């Protein structure tokens, strides 16, 4: 079973903005090659940070409202939310070590 759950425009507020722990949101789309490259890394991070960090994915094609609200221009976009606020943004397929550096500041 995946350690990463999917969120939608309708569940975003409850799952991300009101979460008790920091949340890594992977904004992606099925046609995006770099998104497919970063997906296994996101999955690994979800397992490694279990209990300290929640990890979710949002399909920007199916959920344009939230993607628009956060001005998602390039995907994959990985945002860290803490107490309902964006505290980190990483755009593009980056190495796992880069993501770990960003996550360790918050999780």
PDB file of N, CA and C in Angstrom:
ATOM      1  N   UNK A   1       0.834  -1.202   0.000  1.00  0.00           N
ATOM      2  CA  UNK A   1       0.000   0.000   0.000  1.00  0.00           C
ATOM      3  C   UNK A   1       0.874   1.258   0.000  1.00  0.00           C
ATOM      4  N   UNK A   2       0.411   2.261  -0.675  1.00  0.00           N
ATOM      5  CA  UNK A   2       1.170   3.499  -0.783  1.00  0.00           C
ATOM      6  C   UNK A   2       1.121   4.278   0.527  1.00  0.00           C
ATOM      7  N   UNK A   3       2.252   4.888   0.876  1.00  0.00           N
ATOM      8  CA  UNK A   3       2.312   5.748   2.057  1.00  0.00           C
ATOM      9  C   UNK A   3       1.856   7.160   1.711  1.00  0.00           C
ATOM     10  N   UNK A   4       1.617   7.386   0.422  1.00  0.00           N
ATOM     11  CA  UNK A   4       1.214   8.707  -0.068  1.00  0.00           C
ATOM     12  C   UNK A   4      -0.268   8.671  -0.407  1.00  0.00           C
ATOM     13  N   UNK A   5      -1.024   9.636   0.106  1.00  0.00           N
ATOM     14  CA  UNK A   5      -2.445   9.694  -0.229  1.00  0.00           C
ATOM     15  C   UNK A   5      -2.683  10.806  -1.247  1.00  0.00           C
ATOM     16  N   UNK A   6      -3.816  10.729  -1.916  1.00  0.00           N
ATOM     17  CA  UNK A   6      -4.183  11.753  -2.892  1.00  0.00           C
ATOM     18  C   UNK A   6      -5.136  12.751  -2.255  1.00  0.00           C
ATOM     19  N   UNK A   7      -4.948  14.021  -2.584  1.00  0.00           N
ATOM     20  CA  UNK A   7      -5.878  15.044  -2.125  1.00  0.00           C
ATOM     21  C   UNK A   7      -6.512  15.719  -3.333  1.00  0.00           C
ATOM     22  N   UNK A   8      -7.663  16.324  -3.095  1.00  0.00           N
ATOM     23  CA  UNK A   8      -8.410  16.999  -4.152  1.00  0.00           C
ATOM     24  C   UNK A   8      -8.685  18.434  -3.714  1.00  0.00           C
ATOM     25  N   UNK A   9      -9.257  19.205  -4.616  1.00  0.00           N
ATOM     26  CA  UNK A   9      -9.646  20.571  -4.260  1.00  0.00           C
ATOM     27  C   UNK A   9     -10.527  20.563  -3.014  1.00  0.00           C
ATOM     28  N   UNK A  10     -11.444  19.596  -2.936  1.00  0.00           N
ATOM     29  CA  UNK A  10     -12.392  19.575  -1.821  1.00  0.00           C
ATOM     30  C   UNK A  10     -11.782  19.069  -0.514  1.00  0.00           C
ATOM     31  N   UNK A  11     -10.744  18.235  -0.574  1.00  0.00           N
ATOM     32  CA  UNK A  11     -10.152  17.712   0.667  1.00  0.00           C
ATOM     33  C   UNK A  11      -8.888  18.461   1.093  1.00  0.00           C
ATOM     34  N   UNK A  12      -8.419  19.381   0.272  1.00  0.00           N
ATOM     35  CA  UNK A  12      -7.141  20.053   0.518  1.00  0.00           C
ATOM     36  C   UNK A  12      -7.095  20.778   1.868  1.00  0.00           C
ATOM     37  N   UNK A  13      -8.123  21.546   2.151  1.00  0.00           N
ATOM     38  CA  UNK A  13      -8.123  22.313   3.401  1.00  0.00           C
ATOM     39  C   UNK A  13      -7.999  21.390   4.612  1.00  0.00           C
ATOM     40  N   UNK A  14      -8.829  20.348   4.649  1.00  0.00           N
ATOM     41  CA  UNK A  14      -8.817  19.429   5.789  1.00  0.00           C
ATOM     42  C   UNK A  14      -7.517  18.631   5.866  1.00  0.00           C
ATOM     43  N   UNK A  15      -7.074  18.092   4.731  1.00  0.00           N
ATOM     44  CA  UNK A  15      -5.911  17.191   4.715  1.00  0.00           C
ATOM     45  C   UNK A  15      -4.568  17.911   4.833  1.00  0.00           C
ATOM     46  N   UNK A  16      -4.488  19.131   4.298  1.00  0.00           N
ATOM     47  CA  UNK A  16      -3.208  19.840   4.247  1.00  0.00           C
ATOM     48  C   UNK A  16      -3.181  21.043   5.190  1.00  0.00           C
ATOM     49  N   UNK A  17      -4.094  21.960   4.993  1.00  0.00           N
ATOM     50  CA  UNK A  17      -4.045  23.216   5.760  1.00  0.00           C
ATOM     51  C   UNK A  17      -4.331  23.013   7.250  1.00  0.00           C
ATOM     52  N   UNK A  18      -5.153  22.023   7.586  1.00  0.00           N
ATOM     53  CA  UNK A  18      -5.501  21.792   8.994  1.00  0.00           C
ATOM     54  C   UNK A  18      -4.730  20.622   9.609  1.00  0.00           C
ATOM     55  N   UNK A  19      -3.740  20.117   8.910  1.00  0.00           N
ATOM     56  CA  UNK A  19      -2.975  18.967   9.407  1.00  0.00           C
ATOM     57  C   UNK A  19      -2.188  19.348  10.661  1.00  0.00           C
ATOM     58  N   UNK A  20      -2.037  18.365  11.540  1.00  0.00           N
ATOM     59  CA  UNK A  20      -1.306  18.568  12.801  1.00  0.00           C
ATOM     60  C   UNK A  20       0.211  18.588  12.586  1.00  0.00           C
ATOM     61  N   UNK A  21       0.656  17.934  11.520  1.00  0.00           N
ATOM     62  CA  UNK A  21       2.091  17.827  11.229  1.00  0.00           C
ATOM     63  C   UNK A  21       2.377  18.533   9.898  1.00  0.00           C
ATOM     64  N   UNK A  22       3.644  18.844   9.605  1.00  0.00           N
ATOM     65  CA  UNK A  22       3.955  19.413   8.288  1.00  0.00           C
ATOM     66  C   UNK A  22       3.505  18.463   7.175  1.00  0.00           C
ATOM     67  N   UNK A  23       3.156  19.028   6.034  1.00  0.00           N
ATOM     68  CA  UNK A  23       2.660  18.235   4.908  1.00  0.00           C
ATOM     69  C   UNK A  23       3.469  18.556   3.655  1.00  0.00           C
ATOM     70  N   UNK A  24       3.979  17.520   2.996  1.00  0.00           N
ATOM     71  CA  UNK A  24       4.633  17.669   1.694  1.00  0.00           C
ATOM     72  C   UNK A  24       3.575  17.382   0.636  1.00  0.00           C
ATOM     73  N   UNK A  25       3.310  18.370  -0.218  1.00  0.00           N
ATOM     74  CA  UNK A  25       2.341  18.190  -1.298  1.00  0.00           C
ATOM     75  C   UNK A  25       3.103  18.108  -2.618  1.00  0.00           C
ATOM     76  N   UNK A  26       2.894  17.006  -3.325  1.00  0.00           N
ATOM     77  CA  UNK A  26       3.477  16.805  -4.654  1.00  0.00           C
ATOM     78  C   UNK A  26       2.408  17.169  -5.682  1.00  0.00           C
ATOM     79  N   UNK A  27       2.552  18.360  -6.286  1.00  0.00           N
ATOM     80  CA  UNK A  27       1.645  18.771  -7.366  1.00  0.00           C
ATOM     81  C   UNK A  27       2.167  18.139  -8.647  1.00  0.00           C
ATOM     82  N   UNK A  28       1.355  17.332  -9.321  1.00  0.00           N
ATOM     83  CA  UNK A  28       1.808  16.553 -10.468  1.00  0.00           C
ATOM     84  C   UNK A  28       0.682  16.403 -11.496  1.00  0.00           C
ATOM     85  N   UNK A  29       1.010  15.795 -12.616  1.00  0.00           N
ATOM     86  CA  UNK A  29       0.020  15.436 -13.640  1.00  0.00           C
ATOM     87  C   UNK A  29       0.481  14.142 -14.323  1.00  0.00           C
ATOM     88  N   UNK A  30      -0.472  13.330 -14.788  1.00  0.00           N
ATOM     89  CA  UNK A  30      -0.125  12.023 -15.371  1.00  0.00           C
ATOM     90  C   UNK A  30       0.765  12.100 -16.608  1.00  0.00           C
ATOM     91  N   UNK A  31       0.684  13.176 -17.375  1.00  0.00           N
ATOM     92  CA  UNK A  31       1.456  13.293 -18.616  1.00  0.00           C
ATOM     93  C   UNK A  31       2.873  13.816 -18.382  1.00  0.00           C
ATOM     94  N   UNK A  32       3.209  14.163 -17.147  1.00  0.00           N
ATOM     95  CA  UNK A  32       4.472  14.829 -16.824  1.00  0.00           C
ATOM     96  C   UNK A  32       5.589  13.817 -16.549  1.00  0.00           C
ATOM     97  N   UNK A  33       6.581  13.762 -17.444  1.00  0.00           N
ATOM     98  CA  UNK A  33       7.714  12.841 -17.289  1.00  0.00           C
ATOM     99  C   UNK A  33       8.497  13.049 -16.000  1.00  0.00           C
ATOM    100  N   UNK A  34       8.928  14.285 -15.699  1.00  0.00           N
ATOM    101  CA  UNK A  34       9.662  14.510 -14.442  1.00  0.00           C
ATOM    102  C   UNK A  34       8.842  14.142 -13.204  1.00  0.00           C
ATOM    103  N   UNK A  35       7.518  14.262 -13.295  1.00  0.00           N
ATOM    104  CA  UNK A  35       6.661  13.874 -12.160  1.00  0.00           C
ATOM    105  C   UNK A  35       6.798  12.374 -11.890  1.00  0.00           C
ATOM    106  N   UNK A  36       6.873  11.605 -12.971  1.00  0.00           N
ATOM    107  CA  UNK A  36       7.024  10.153 -12.831  1.00  0.00           C
ATOM    108  C   UNK A  36       8.385   9.807 -12.231  1.00  0.00           C
ATOM    109  N   UNK A  37       9.399  10.617 -12.552  1.00  0.00           N
ATOM    110  CA  UNK A  37      10.742  10.381 -12.007  1.00  0.00           C
ATOM    111  C   UNK A  37      10.793  10.655 -10.504  1.00  0.00           C
ATOM    112  N   UNK A  38      10.070  11.668 -10.059  1.00  0.00           N
ATOM    113  CA  UNK A  38      10.138  12.060  -8.663  1.00  0.00           C
ATOM    114  C   UNK A  38       9.180  11.236  -7.777  1.00  0.00           C
ATOM    115  N   UNK A  39       8.194  10.583  -8.375  1.00  0.00           N
ATOM    116  CA  UNK A  39       7.191   9.825  -7.611  1.00  0.00           C
ATOM    117  C   UNK A  39       7.784   8.787  -6.655  1.00  0.00           C
ATOM    118  N   UNK A  40       8.753   7.946  -7.094  1.00  0.00           N
ATOM    119  CA  UNK A  40       9.311   6.959  -6.153  1.00  0.00           C
ATOM    120  C   UNK A  40      10.064   7.628  -5.001  1.00  0.00           C
ATOM    121  N   UNK A  41      10.669   8.767  -5.256  1.00  0.00           N
ATOM    122  CA  UNK A  41      11.386   9.506  -4.208  1.00  0.00           C
ATOM    123  C   UNK A  41      10.378  10.009  -3.174  1.00  0.00           C
ATOM    124  N   UNK A  42       9.266  10.544  -3.651  1.00  0.00           N
ATOM    125  CA  UNK A  42       8.213  11.035  -2.758  1.00  0.00           C
ATOM    126  C   UNK A  42       7.670   9.881  -1.911  1.00  0.00           C
ATOM    127  N   UNK A  43       7.496   8.734  -2.535  1.00  0.00           N
ATOM    128  CA  UNK A  43       7.023   7.534  -1.830  1.00  0.00           C
ATOM    129  C   UNK A  43       8.011   7.133  -0.723  1.00  0.00           C
ATOM    130  N   UNK A  44       9.312   7.138  -1.036  1.00  0.00           N
ATOM    131  CA  UNK A  44      10.348   6.810  -0.048  1.00  0.00           C
ATOM    132  C   UNK A  44      10.305   7.789   1.122  1.00  0.00           C
ATOM    133  N   UNK A  45      10.180   9.071   0.806  1.00  0.00           N
ATOM    134  CA  UNK A  45      10.157  10.091   1.856  1.00  0.00           C
ATOM    135  C   UNK A  45       8.956   9.907   2.775  1.00  0.00           C
ATOM    136  N   UNK A  46       7.817   9.525   2.200  1.00  0.00           N
ATOM    137  CA  UNK A  46       6.613   9.297   3.002  1.00  0.00           C
ATOM    138  C   UNK A  46       6.864   8.211   4.046  1.00  0.00           C
ATOM    139  N   UNK A  47       7.586   7.164   3.646  1.00  0.00           N
ATOM    140  CA  UNK A  47       7.886   6.068   4.574  1.00  0.00           C
ATOM    141  C   UNK A  47       8.928   6.499   5.613  1.00  0.00           C
ATOM    142  N   UNK A  48       9.954   7.205   5.155  1.00  0.00           N
ATOM    143  CA  UNK A  48      11.036   7.615   6.055  1.00  0.00           C
ATOM    144  C   UNK A  48      10.589   8.631   7.102  1.00  0.00           C
ATOM    145  N   UNK A  49       9.664   9.501   6.732  1.00  0.00           N
ATOM    146  CA  UNK A  49       9.219  10.568   7.632  1.00  0.00           C
ATOM    147  C   UNK A  49       7.883  10.251   8.303  1.00  0.00           C
ATOM    148  N   UNK A  50       7.450   8.984   8.212  1.00  0.00           N
ATOM    149  CA  UNK A  50       6.164   8.593   8.776  1.00  0.00           C
ATOM    150  C   UNK A  50       6.051   9.024  10.240  1.00  0.00           C
ATOM    151  N   UNK A  51       4.939   9.656  10.580  1.00  0.00           N
ATOM    152  CA  UNK A  51       4.726  10.130  11.944  1.00  0.00           C
ATOM    153  C   UNK A  51       5.204  11.559  12.163  1.00  0.00           C
ATOM    154  N   UNK A  52       6.148  12.008  11.342  1.00  0.00           N
ATOM    155  CA  UNK A  52       6.683  13.375  11.472  1.00  0.00           C
ATOM    156  C   UNK A  52       6.204  14.281  10.351  1.00  0.00           C
ATOM    157  N   UNK A  53       5.801  13.664   9.238  1.00  0.00           N
ATOM    158  CA  UNK A  53       5.452  14.419   8.041  1.00  0.00           C
ATOM    159  C   UNK A  53       4.383  13.644   7.279  1.00  0.00           C
ATOM    160  N   UNK A  54       3.384  14.368   6.815  1.00  0.00           N
ATOM    161  CA  UNK A  54       2.350  13.763   5.987  1.00  0.00           C
ATOM    162  C   UNK A  54       2.725  14.052   4.532  1.00  0.00           C
ATOM    163  N   UNK A  55       2.549  13.071   3.659  1.00  0.00           N
ATOM    164  CA  UNK A  55       2.899  13.252   2.247  1.00  0.00           C
ATOM    165  C   UNK A  55       1.663  12.960   1.397  1.00  0.00           C
ATOM    166  N   UNK A  56       1.314  13.935   0.551  1.00  0.00           N
ATOM    167  CA  UNK A  56       0.144  13.782  -0.316  1.00  0.00           C
ATOM    168  C   UNK A  56       0.493  14.205  -1.741  1.00  0.00           C
ATOM    169  N   UNK A  57      -0.317  13.723  -2.688  1.00  0.00           N
ATOM    170  CA  UNK A  57      -0.143  14.096  -4.094  1.00  0.00           C
ATOM    171  C   UNK A  57      -1.427  14.764  -4.562  1.00  0.00           C
ATOM    172  N   UNK A  58      -1.265  15.758  -5.436  1.00  0.00           N
ATOM    173  CA  UNK A  58      -2.429  16.401  -6.029  1.00  0.00           C
ATOM    174  C   UNK A  58      -2.263  16.482  -7.536  1.00  0.00           C
ATOM    175  N   UNK A  59      -3.183  15.859  -8.252  1.00  0.00           N
ATOM    176  CA  UNK A  59      -3.197  15.897  -9.709  1.00  0.00           C
ATOM    177  C   UNK A  59      -3.713  17.280 -10.129  1.00  0.00           C
ATOM    178  N   UNK A  60      -2.833  18.087 -10.718  1.00  0.00           N
ATOM    179  CA  UNK A  60      -3.188  19.466 -11.064  1.00  0.00           C
ATOM    180  C   UNK A  60      -4.205  19.540 -12.220  1.00  0.00           C
ATOM    181  N   UNK A  61      -4.262  18.506 -13.058  1.00  0.00           N
ATOM    182  CA  UNK A  61      -5.256  18.482 -14.140  1.00  0.00           C
ATOM    183  C   UNK A  61      -6.669  18.321 -13.572  1.00  0.00           C
ATOM    184  N   UNK A  62      -6.792  17.489 -12.543  1.00  0.00           N
ATOM    185  CA  UNK A  62      -8.099  17.202 -11.953  1.00  0.00           C
ATOM    186  C   UNK A  62      -8.495  18.207 -10.876  1.00  0.00           C
ATOM    187  N   UNK A  63      -7.533  18.976 -10.377  1.00  0.00           N
ATOM    188  CA  UNK A  63      -7.784  19.896  -9.276  1.00  0.00           C
ATOM    189  C   UNK A  63      -7.190  21.273  -9.565  1.00  0.00           C
ATOM    190  N   UNK A  64      -7.727  21.953 -10.590  1.00  0.00           N
ATOM    191  CA  UNK A  64      -7.139  23.222 -11.009  1.00  0.00           C
ATOM    192  C   UNK A  64      -7.295  24.349  -9.982  1.00  0.00           C
ATOM    193  N   UNK A  65      -8.325  24.272  -9.151  1.00  0.00           N
ATOM    194  CA  UNK A  65      -8.590  25.355  -8.207  1.00  0.00           C
ATOM    195  C   UNK A  65      -7.420  25.551  -7.232  1.00  0.00           C
ATOM    196  N   UNK A  66      -6.981  24.466  -6.626  1.00  0.00           N
ATOM    197  CA  UNK A  66      -5.880  24.554  -5.662  1.00  0.00           C
ATOM    198  C   UNK A  66      -4.580  24.903  -6.359  1.00  0.00           C
ATOM    199  N   UNK A  67      -4.322  24.286  -7.510  1.00  0.00           N
ATOM    200  CA  UNK A  67      -3.092  24.580  -8.264  1.00  0.00           C
ATOM    201  C   UNK A  67      -3.043  26.062  -8.630  1.00  0.00           C
ATOM    202  N   UNK A  68      -4.175  26.613  -9.007  1.00  0.00           N
ATOM    203  CA  UNK A  68      -4.249  28.027  -9.364  1.00  0.00           C
ATOM    204  C   UNK A  68      -4.047  28.902  -8.123  1.00  0.00           C
ATOM    205  N   UNK A  69      -4.639  28.497  -7.006  1.00  0.00           N
ATOM    206  CA  UNK A  69      -4.538  29.275  -5.766  1.00  0.00           C
ATOM    207  C   UNK A  69      -3.085  29.422  -5.309  1.00  0.00           C
ATOM    208  N   UNK A  70      -2.268  28.388  -5.572  1.00  0.00           N
ATOM    209  CA  UNK A  70      -0.855  28.428  -5.179  1.00  0.00           C
ATOM    210  C   UNK A  70       0.066  28.747  -6.352  1.00  0.00           C
ATOM    211  N   UNK A  71      -0.508  29.225  -7.445  1.00  0.00           N
ATOM    212  CA  UNK A  71       0.254  29.654  -8.627  1.00  0.00           C
ATOM    213  C   UNK A  71       1.243  28.596  -9.097  1.00  0.00           C
ATOM    214  N   UNK A  72       0.770  27.359  -9.195  1.00  0.00           N
ATOM    215  CA  UNK A  72       1.620  26.262  -9.677  1.00  0.00           C
ATOM    216  C   UNK A  72       1.814  26.454 -11.179  1.00  0.00           C
ATOM    217  N   UNK A  73       3.037  26.745 -11.589  1.00  0.00           N
ATOM    218  CA  UNK A  73       3.336  26.980 -13.007  1.00  0.00           C
ATOM    219  C   UNK A  73       4.056  25.789 -13.627  1.00  0.00           C
ATOM    220  N   UNK A  74       5.019  25.260 -12.888  1.00  0.00           N
ATOM    221  CA  UNK A  74       5.783  24.112 -13.379  1.00  0.00           C
ATOM    222  C   UNK A  74       5.545  22.924 -12.476  1.00  0.00           C
ATOM    223  N   UNK A  75       5.518  21.758 -13.062  1.00  0.00           N
ATOM    224  CA  UNK A  75       5.386  20.548 -12.256  1.00  0.00           C
ATOM    225  C   UNK A  75       6.508  19.587 -12.605  1.00  0.00           C
ATOM    226  N   UNK A  76       6.944  18.742 -11.708  1.00  0.00           N
ATOM    227  CA  UNK A  76       6.411  18.641 -10.356  1.00  0.00           C
ATOM    228  C   UNK A  76       6.778  19.858  -9.505  1.00  0.00           C
ATOM    229  N   UNK A  77       5.846  20.252  -8.653  1.00  0.00           N
ATOM    230  CA  UNK A  77       6.104  21.265  -7.633  1.00  0.00           C
ATOM    231  C   UNK A  77       5.869  20.602  -6.296  1.00  0.00           C
ATOM    232  N   UNK A  78       6.868  20.653  -5.447  1.00  0.00           N
ATOM    233  CA  UNK A  78       6.770  20.046  -4.125  1.00  0.00           C
ATOM    234  C   UNK A  78       6.757  21.175  -3.097  1.00  0.00           C
ATOM    235  N   UNK A  79       5.642  21.291  -2.402  1.00  0.00           N
ATOM    236  CA  UNK A  79       5.469  22.353  -1.415  1.00  0.00           C
ATOM    237  C   UNK A  79       5.356  21.726  -0.033  1.00  0.00           C
ATOM    238  N   UNK A  80       5.987  22.360   0.939  1.00  0.00           N
ATOM    239  CA  UNK A  80       5.829  21.940   2.332  1.00  0.00           C
ATOM    240  C   UNK A  80       4.934  22.968   3.015  1.00  0.00           C
ATOM    241  N   UNK A  81       3.863  22.466   3.607  1.00  0.00           N
ATOM    242  CA  UNK A  81       2.934  23.305   4.358  1.00  0.00           C
ATOM    243  C   UNK A  81       3.107  23.019   5.847  1.00  0.00           C
ATOM    244  N   UNK A  82       3.111  24.072   6.635  1.00  0.00           N
ATOM    245  CA  UNK A  82       3.188  23.927   8.085  1.00  0.00           C
ATOM    246  C   UNK A  82       2.204  24.929   8.681  1.00  0.00           C
ATOM    247  N   UNK A  83       1.286  24.447   9.501  1.00  0.00           N
ATOM    248  CA  UNK A  83       0.248  25.292  10.103  1.00  0.00           C
ATOM    249  C   UNK A  83      -0.512  26.087   9.036  1.00  0.00           C
ATOM    250  N   UNK A  84      -0.774  25.444   7.903  1.00  0.00           N
ATOM    251  CA  UNK A  84      -1.568  26.068   6.854  1.00  0.00           C
ATOM    252  C   UNK A  84      -0.819  27.024   5.939  1.00  0.00           C
ATOM    253  N   UNK A  85       0.480  27.167   6.145  1.00  0.00           N
ATOM    254  CA  UNK A  85       1.278  28.099   5.343  1.00  0.00           C
ATOM    255  C   UNK A  85       2.339  27.345   4.534  1.00  0.00           C
ATOM    256  N   UNK A  86       2.658  27.867   3.342  1.00  0.00           N
ATOM    257  CA  UNK A  86       3.746  27.292   2.546  1.00  0.00           C
ATOM    258  C   UNK A  86       5.067  27.741   3.172  1.00  0.00           C
ATOM    259  N   UNK A  87       5.919  26.776   3.552  1.00  0.00           N
ATOM    260  CA  UNK A  87       7.208  27.107   4.159  1.00  0.00           C
ATOM    261  C   UNK A  87       8.393  26.713   3.282  1.00  0.00           C
ATOM    262  N   UNK A  88       8.145  25.858   2.285  1.00  0.00           N
ATOM    263  CA  UNK A  88       9.205  25.460   1.342  1.00  0.00           C
ATOM    264  C   UNK A  88       8.563  25.202  -0.016  1.00  0.00           C
ATOM    265  N   UNK A  89       9.315  25.513  -1.089  1.00  0.00           N
ATOM    266  CA  UNK A  89       8.862  25.212  -2.446  1.00  0.00           C
ATOM    267  C   UNK A  89      10.045  24.675  -3.245  1.00  0.00           C
ATOM    268  N   UNK A  90       9.837  23.527  -3.874  1.00  0.00           N
ATOM    269  CA  UNK A  90      10.852  22.961  -4.755  1.00  0.00           C
ATOM    270  C   UNK A  90      10.159  22.637  -6.067  1.00  0.00           C
ATOM    271  N   UNK A  91      10.650  23.222  -7.158  1.00  0.00           N
ATOM    272  CA  UNK A  91      10.028  22.984  -8.465  1.00  0.00           C
ATOM    273  C   UNK A  91      10.980  22.169  -9.326  1.00  0.00           C
ATOM    274  N   UNK A  92      10.441  21.134  -9.959  1.00  0.00           N
ATOM    275  CA  UNK A  92      11.240  20.285 -10.833  1.00  0.00           C
ATOM    276  C   UNK A  92      11.649  18.994 -10.142  1.00  0.00           C
ATOM    277  N   UNK A  93      12.138  18.078 -10.942  1.00  0.00           N
ATOM    278  CA  UNK A  93      12.610  16.795 -10.420  1.00  0.00           C
ATOM    279  C   UNK A  93      14.010  17.014  -9.843  1.00  0.00           C
ATOM    280  N   UNK A  94      14.109  16.950  -8.545  1.00  0.00           N
ATOM    281  CA  UNK A  94      15.387  17.185  -7.873  1.00  0.00           C
ATOM    282  C   UNK A  94      15.830  15.905  -7.179  1.00  0.00           C
ATOM    283  N   UNK A  95      17.118  15.789  -6.864  1.00  0.00           N
ATOM    284  CA  UNK A  95      17.595  14.590  -6.167  1.00  0.00           C
ATOM    285  C   UNK A  95      16.973  14.476  -4.779  1.00  0.00           C
ATOM    286  N   UNK A  96      16.884  13.249  -4.305  1.00  0.00           N
ATOM    287  CA  UNK A  96      16.306  12.994  -2.982  1.00  0.00           C
ATOM    288  C   UNK A  96      17.020  13.806  -1.904  1.00  0.00           C
ATOM    289  N   UNK A  97      18.332  13.903  -1.992  1.00  0.00           N
ATOM    290  CA  UNK A  97      19.113  14.634  -0.980  1.00  0.00           C
ATOM    291  C   UNK A  97      18.659  16.088  -0.864  1.00  0.00           C
ATOM    292  N   UNK A  98      18.295  16.694  -1.993  1.00  0.00           N
ATOM    293  CA  UNK A  98      17.816  18.079  -1.990  1.00  0.00           C
ATOM    294  C   UNK A  98      16.506  18.179  -1.213  1.00  0.00           C
ATOM    295  N   UNK A  99      15.608  17.243  -1.467  1.00  0.00           N
ATOM    296  CA  UNK A  99      14.334  17.248  -0.754  1.00  0.00           C
ATOM    297  C   UNK A  99      14.529  17.005   0.732  1.00  0.00           C
ATOM    298  N   UNK A 100      15.410  16.084   1.083  1.00  0.00           N
ATOM    299  CA  UNK A 100      15.684  15.790   2.492  1.00  0.00           C
ATOM    300  C   UNK A 100      16.167  17.047   3.214  1.00  0.00           C
ATOM    301  N   UNK A 101      17.046  17.809   2.570  1.00  0.00           N
ATOM    302  CA  UNK A 101      17.550  19.053   3.160  1.00  0.00           C
ATOM    303  C   UNK A 101      16.398  20.004   3.467  1.00  0.00           C
ATOM    304  N   UNK A 102      15.472  20.141   2.531  1.00  0.00           N
ATOM    305  CA  UNK A 102      14.316  21.025   2.738  1.00  0.00           C
ATOM    306  C   UNK A 102      13.392  20.477   3.830  1.00  0.00           C
ATOM    307  N   UNK A 103      13.160  19.164   3.835  1.00  0.00           N
ATOM    308  CA  UNK A 103      12.229  18.570   4.795  1.00  0.00           C
ATOM    309  C   UNK A 103      12.771  18.591   6.213  1.00  0.00           C
ATOM    310  N   UNK A 104      14.070  18.414   6.363  1.00  0.00           N
ATOM    311  CA  UNK A 104      14.651  18.357   7.711  1.00  0.00           C
ATOM    312  C   UNK A 104      14.499  19.676   8.477  1.00  0.00           C
ATOM    313  N   UNK A 105      14.267  20.767   7.766  1.00  0.00           N
ATOM    314  CA  UNK A 105      14.035  22.043   8.428  1.00  0.00           C
ATOM    315  C   UNK A 105      12.693  22.068   9.149  1.00  0.00           C
ATOM    316  N   UNK A 106      11.789  21.196   8.727  1.00  0.00           N
ATOM    317  CA  UNK A 106      10.412  21.287   9.217  1.00  0.00           C
ATOM    318  C   UNK A 106       9.866  20.013   9.861  1.00  0.00           C
ATOM    319  N   UNK A 107      10.463  18.864   9.567  1.00  0.00           N
ATOM    320  CA  UNK A 107       9.909  17.609  10.085  1.00  0.00           C
ATOM    321  C   UNK A 107      10.823  17.000  11.145  1.00  0.00           C
TER     322      UNK A 107
END
